[in-house]
Amino acid sequence: MKLEGKLFTGMKAAQDYLSMKEYQEKIKDKTGFKPFPGTLNLKADKEQVKKLEKKTKKKRINSFQVKDKKYSGLTLYPVKINGLKAHYIDIDITDYGKDVIELIAPEKLREKLGLEDGDQVEVTGL
């Protein structure tokens, strides 16, 4: 399953969460890599996103608590973006709609792939 999306700069909220030791450990356990603290955000067709989710094997991280604060769970979908392995993360609590996908990888995808806002990017489910 493939989809195309247009790159945009996000709200930078994922940066804080992906820097947390708890998220990093849980994501590494499911994906095999420690995520770069930030996501690559793509605006895509909602129907294409649904198809990707249905046809791609997923892994789950349940919500958890650290001290008195509860953190959102998320679903991870292995994908390739322009040939590089990454994961699409579908976060339980988000300000984005279903037409946005957030990608994580062990490195900063924007720099690694030389991408800028407005670029069209192809994502393939694995």
Protein backbone atom coordinates (compact mmCIF):
# COMPACT_ATOMS: atom_id res chain seq x y z
CA MET A 1 0.00 0.00 0.00
CA LYS A 2 1.35 3.40 -1.02
CA LEU A 3 0.22 6.91 -0.30
CA GLU A 4 1.48 10.34 -1.12
CA GLY A 5 1.56 13.23 1.27
CA LYS A 6 2.65 16.83 1.34
CA LEU A 7 5.26 17.79 3.94
CA PHE A 8 4.43 20.50 6.46
CA THR A 9 5.92 21.83 9.68
CA GLY A 10 4.00 20.57 12.69
CA MET A 11 3.27 21.98 16.12
CA LYS A 12 6.51 20.53 17.56
CA ALA A 13 4.63 18.77 20.39
CA ALA A 14 6.04 15.35 19.48
CA GLN A 15 9.54 16.66 20.10
CA ASP A 16 8.98 16.77 23.88
CA TYR A 17 7.29 13.39 24.05
CA LEU A 18 9.80 11.60 21.84
CA SER A 19 12.61 12.97 24.03
CA MET A 20 11.14 11.19 27.08
CA LYS A 21 13.04 8.11 28.21
CA GLU A 22 9.78 6.15 28.63
CA TYR A 23 8.58 6.74 25.06
CA GLN A 24 12.06 6.14 23.65
CA GLU A 25 12.36 2.79 25.44
CA LYS A 26 8.85 1.64 24.47
CA ILE A 27 9.34 2.65 20.84
CA LYS A 28 12.76 1.00 20.66
CA ASP A 29 11.26 -2.20 22.07
CA LYS A 30 8.62 -2.24 19.28
CA THR A 31 10.66 -0.89 16.34
CA GLY A 32 14.28 -1.78 17.11
CA PHE A 33 15.40 1.86 17.04
CA LYS A 34 15.52 4.85 19.35
CA PRO A 35 13.46 7.57 17.64
CA PHE A 36 14.81 10.95 16.68
CA PRO A 37 12.92 13.41 18.93
CA GLY A 38 10.52 14.79 16.35
CA THR A 39 8.20 13.68 13.59
CA LEU A 40 7.97 14.28 9.87
CA ASN A 41 4.41 15.43 9.19
CA LEU A 42 2.54 14.76 5.99
CA LYS A 43 -0.91 15.87 4.86
CA ALA A 44 -2.49 12.98 2.98
CA ASP A 45 -5.84 11.71 1.73
CA LYS A 46 -7.91 10.27 4.65
CA GLU A 47 -8.99 7.24 2.63
CA GLN A 48 -5.39 6.46 1.69
CA VAL A 49 -4.40 6.68 5.36
CA LYS A 50 -7.20 4.25 6.32
CA LYS A 51 -6.06 1.79 3.63
CA LEU A 52 -2.47 2.01 4.85
CA GLU A 53 -3.60 1.31 8.41
CA LYS A 54 -5.69 -1.69 7.33
CA LYS A 55 -3.03 -3.27 5.13
CA THR A 56 0.05 -2.67 7.29
CA LYS A 57 1.08 -4.78 10.27
CA LYS A 58 0.81 -2.73 13.44
CA LYS A 59 2.29 -2.70 16.92
CA ARG A 60 0.73 -1.08 19.96
CA ILE A 61 2.07 0.97 22.85
CA ASN A 62 -0.61 1.38 25.51
CA SER A 63 -1.07 4.55 27.52
CA PHE A 64 1.06 4.69 30.64
CA GLN A 65 1.61 6.78 33.73
CA VAL A 66 4.76 8.45 35.06
CA LYS A 67 4.30 9.75 38.58
CA ASP A 68 0.90 11.48 38.49
CA LYS A 69 0.81 12.18 34.75
CA LYS A 70 -0.82 9.91 32.15
CA TYR A 71 0.65 9.65 28.64
CA SER A 72 -1.14 8.71 25.44
CA GLY A 73 -0.87 5.34 23.79
CA LEU A 74 -0.05 5.00 20.11
CA THR A 75 -0.08 2.55 17.25
CA LEU A 76 3.03 2.04 15.12
CA TYR A 77 2.96 1.06 11.44
CA PRO A 78 6.24 0.12 9.72
CA VAL A 79 6.69 2.06 6.47
CA LYS A 80 9.29 3.23 3.99
CA ILE A 81 9.56 6.86 3.02
CA ASN A 82 11.52 7.50 -0.17
CA GLY A 83 13.18 4.11 0.43
CA LEU A 84 14.15 4.66 4.11
CA LYS A 85 12.62 2.59 6.91
CA ALA A 86 10.47 4.53 9.35
CA HIS A 87 7.23 4.15 11.31
CA TYR A 88 3.96 6.02 11.03
CA ILE A 89 2.68 6.71 14.54
CA ASP A 90 -1.05 7.05 15.12
CA ILE A 91 -1.29 8.77 18.50
CA ASP A 92 -4.44 8.19 20.57
CA ILE A 93 -4.68 11.84 21.61
CA THR A 94 -3.71 14.34 18.93
CA ASP A 95 -4.71 17.73 17.58
CA TYR A 96 -4.37 16.45 14.01
CA GLY A 97 -7.12 14.88 11.92
CA LYS A 98 -6.95 11.54 10.11
CA ASP A 99 -5.50 13.32 7.06
CA VAL A 100 -2.15 13.81 8.82
CA ILE A 101 0.46 11.14 9.35
CA GLU A 102 3.44 11.57 11.63
CA LEU A 103 6.58 9.59 10.82
CA ILE A 104 9.41 8.64 13.14
CA ALA A 105 12.83 7.21 12.37
CA PRO A 106 16.20 6.90 14.08
CA GLU A 107 17.36 10.05 12.29
CA LYS A 108 15.90 13.40 11.27
CA LEU A 109 14.10 12.47 8.06
CA ARG A 110 13.75 16.04 6.83
CA GLU A 111 17.56 16.46 6.76
CA LYS A 112 18.40 12.91 5.67
CA LEU A 113 16.09 13.14 2.64
CA GLY A 114 16.67 16.85 1.93
CA LEU A 115 12.97 17.69 2.26
CA GLU A 116 11.21 21.05 2.60
CA ASP A 117 7.63 22.07 3.37
CA GLY A 118 5.40 21.49 0.37
CA ASP A 119 7.43 18.54 -0.98
CA GLN A 120 5.42 15.50 -2.11
CA VAL A 121 6.59 12.32 -0.39
CA GLU A 122 5.71 8.69 -1.04
CA VAL A 123 5.09 6.38 1.93
CA THR A 124 4.82 2.61 1.50
CA GLY A 125 3.39 0.31 4.18
CA LEU A 126 5.46 -2.79 4.98
